[in-house]
Amino acid sequence: MTRNVRAAVPMIYAVAIVVGFLIDTRVGIAVCVVGGMLVGLAYTVLRRS
């Protein structure tokens, strides 16, 4: 399960960036910043120990 989530996170992030920039430039930049932090958090939480 964790492996599937780790594989899906970058794809979901990419789609969110595109949709954010389609809405507005400010929204796209906010999605890039906040999404980058959330992706980093997701990879930290889901790392193999």
C-alpha atoms as a PDB file:
ATOM      1  CA  MET A   1       0.000   0.000   0.000  1.00  0.00           C
ATOM      2  CA  THR A   2       2.741   2.451   0.953  1.00  0.00           C
ATOM      3  CA  ARG A   3       4.529   1.776  -2.316  1.00  0.00           C
ATOM      4  CA  ASN A   4       1.406   2.644  -4.318  1.00  0.00           C
ATOM      5  CA  VAL A   5       0.912   5.878  -2.416  1.00  0.00           C
ATOM      6  CA  ARG A   6       4.569   6.858  -2.910  1.00  0.00           C
ATOM      7  CA  ALA A   7       4.169   6.244  -6.648  1.00  0.00           C
ATOM      8  CA  ALA A   8       0.956   8.265  -6.889  1.00  0.00           C
ATOM      9  CA  VAL A   9       2.075  11.343  -4.929  1.00  0.00           C
ATOM     10  CA  PRO A  10       4.183  12.945  -7.713  1.00  0.00           C
ATOM     11  CA  MET A  11       1.450  12.401 -10.302  1.00  0.00           C
ATOM     12  CA  ILE A  12      -1.192  13.978  -8.084  1.00  0.00           C
ATOM     13  CA  TYR A  13       1.170  16.882  -7.350  1.00  0.00           C
ATOM     14  CA  ALA A  14       1.780  17.469 -11.062  1.00  0.00           C
ATOM     15  CA  VAL A  15      -1.945  17.513 -11.820  1.00  0.00           C
ATOM     16  CA  ALA A  16      -2.547  19.910  -8.922  1.00  0.00           C
ATOM     17  CA  ILE A  17       0.117  22.279 -10.276  1.00  0.00           C
ATOM     18  CA  VAL A  18      -1.411  22.299 -13.751  1.00  0.00           C
ATOM     19  CA  VAL A  19      -4.917  22.874 -12.407  1.00  0.00           C
ATOM     20  CA  GLY A  20      -3.640  25.592 -10.079  1.00  0.00           C
ATOM     21  CA  PHE A  21      -2.002  27.478 -12.946  1.00  0.00           C
ATOM     22  CA  LEU A  22      -5.126  27.073 -15.069  1.00  0.00           C
ATOM     23  CA  ILE A  23      -7.132  28.764 -12.330  1.00  0.00           C
ATOM     24  CA  ASP A  24      -4.721  31.644 -11.684  1.00  0.00           C
ATOM     25  CA  THR A  25      -0.990  32.306 -11.457  1.00  0.00           C
ATOM     26  CA  ARG A  26      -1.141  33.038  -7.733  1.00  0.00           C
ATOM     27  CA  VAL A  27      -3.019  29.824  -7.088  1.00  0.00           C
ATOM     28  CA  GLY A  28      -0.456  27.889  -9.127  1.00  0.00           C
ATOM     29  CA  ILE A  29       2.421  29.347  -7.143  1.00  0.00           C
ATOM     30  CA  ALA A  30       0.648  28.599  -3.863  1.00  0.00           C
ATOM     31  CA  VAL A  31       0.044  25.020  -4.988  1.00  0.00           C
ATOM     32  CA  CYS A  32       3.735  24.685  -5.890  1.00  0.00           C
ATOM     33  CA  VAL A  33       4.904  25.917  -2.498  1.00  0.00           C
ATOM     34  CA  VAL A  34       2.370  24.210  -0.254  1.00  0.00           C
ATOM     35  CA  GLY A  35       2.261  21.068  -2.386  1.00  0.00           C
ATOM     36  CA  GLY A  36       6.042  20.793  -2.314  1.00  0.00           C
ATOM     37  CA  MET A  37       5.982  20.872   1.470  1.00  0.00           C
ATOM     38  CA  LEU A  38       3.232  18.266   1.581  1.00  0.00           C
ATOM     39  CA  VAL A  39       5.049  15.983  -0.867  1.00  0.00           C
ATOM     40  CA  GLY A  40       8.173  16.236   1.256  1.00  0.00           C
ATOM     41  CA  LEU A  41       6.137  15.429   4.341  1.00  0.00           C
ATOM     42  CA  ALA A  42       4.493  12.474   2.606  1.00  0.00           C
ATOM     43  CA  TYR A  43       7.857  11.055   1.565  1.00  0.00           C
ATOM     44  CA  THR A  44       9.206  11.537   5.085  1.00  0.00           C
ATOM     45  CA  VAL A  45       6.239   9.801   6.692  1.00  0.00           C
ATOM     46  CA  LEU A  46       6.149   6.971   4.163  1.00  0.00           C
ATOM     47  CA  ARG A  47       9.893   6.288   4.021  1.00  0.00           C
ATOM     48  CA  ARG A  48      11.183   2.820   4.631  1.00  0.00           C
ATOM     49  CA  SER A  49      12.722   2.374   8.019  1.00  0.00           C
END
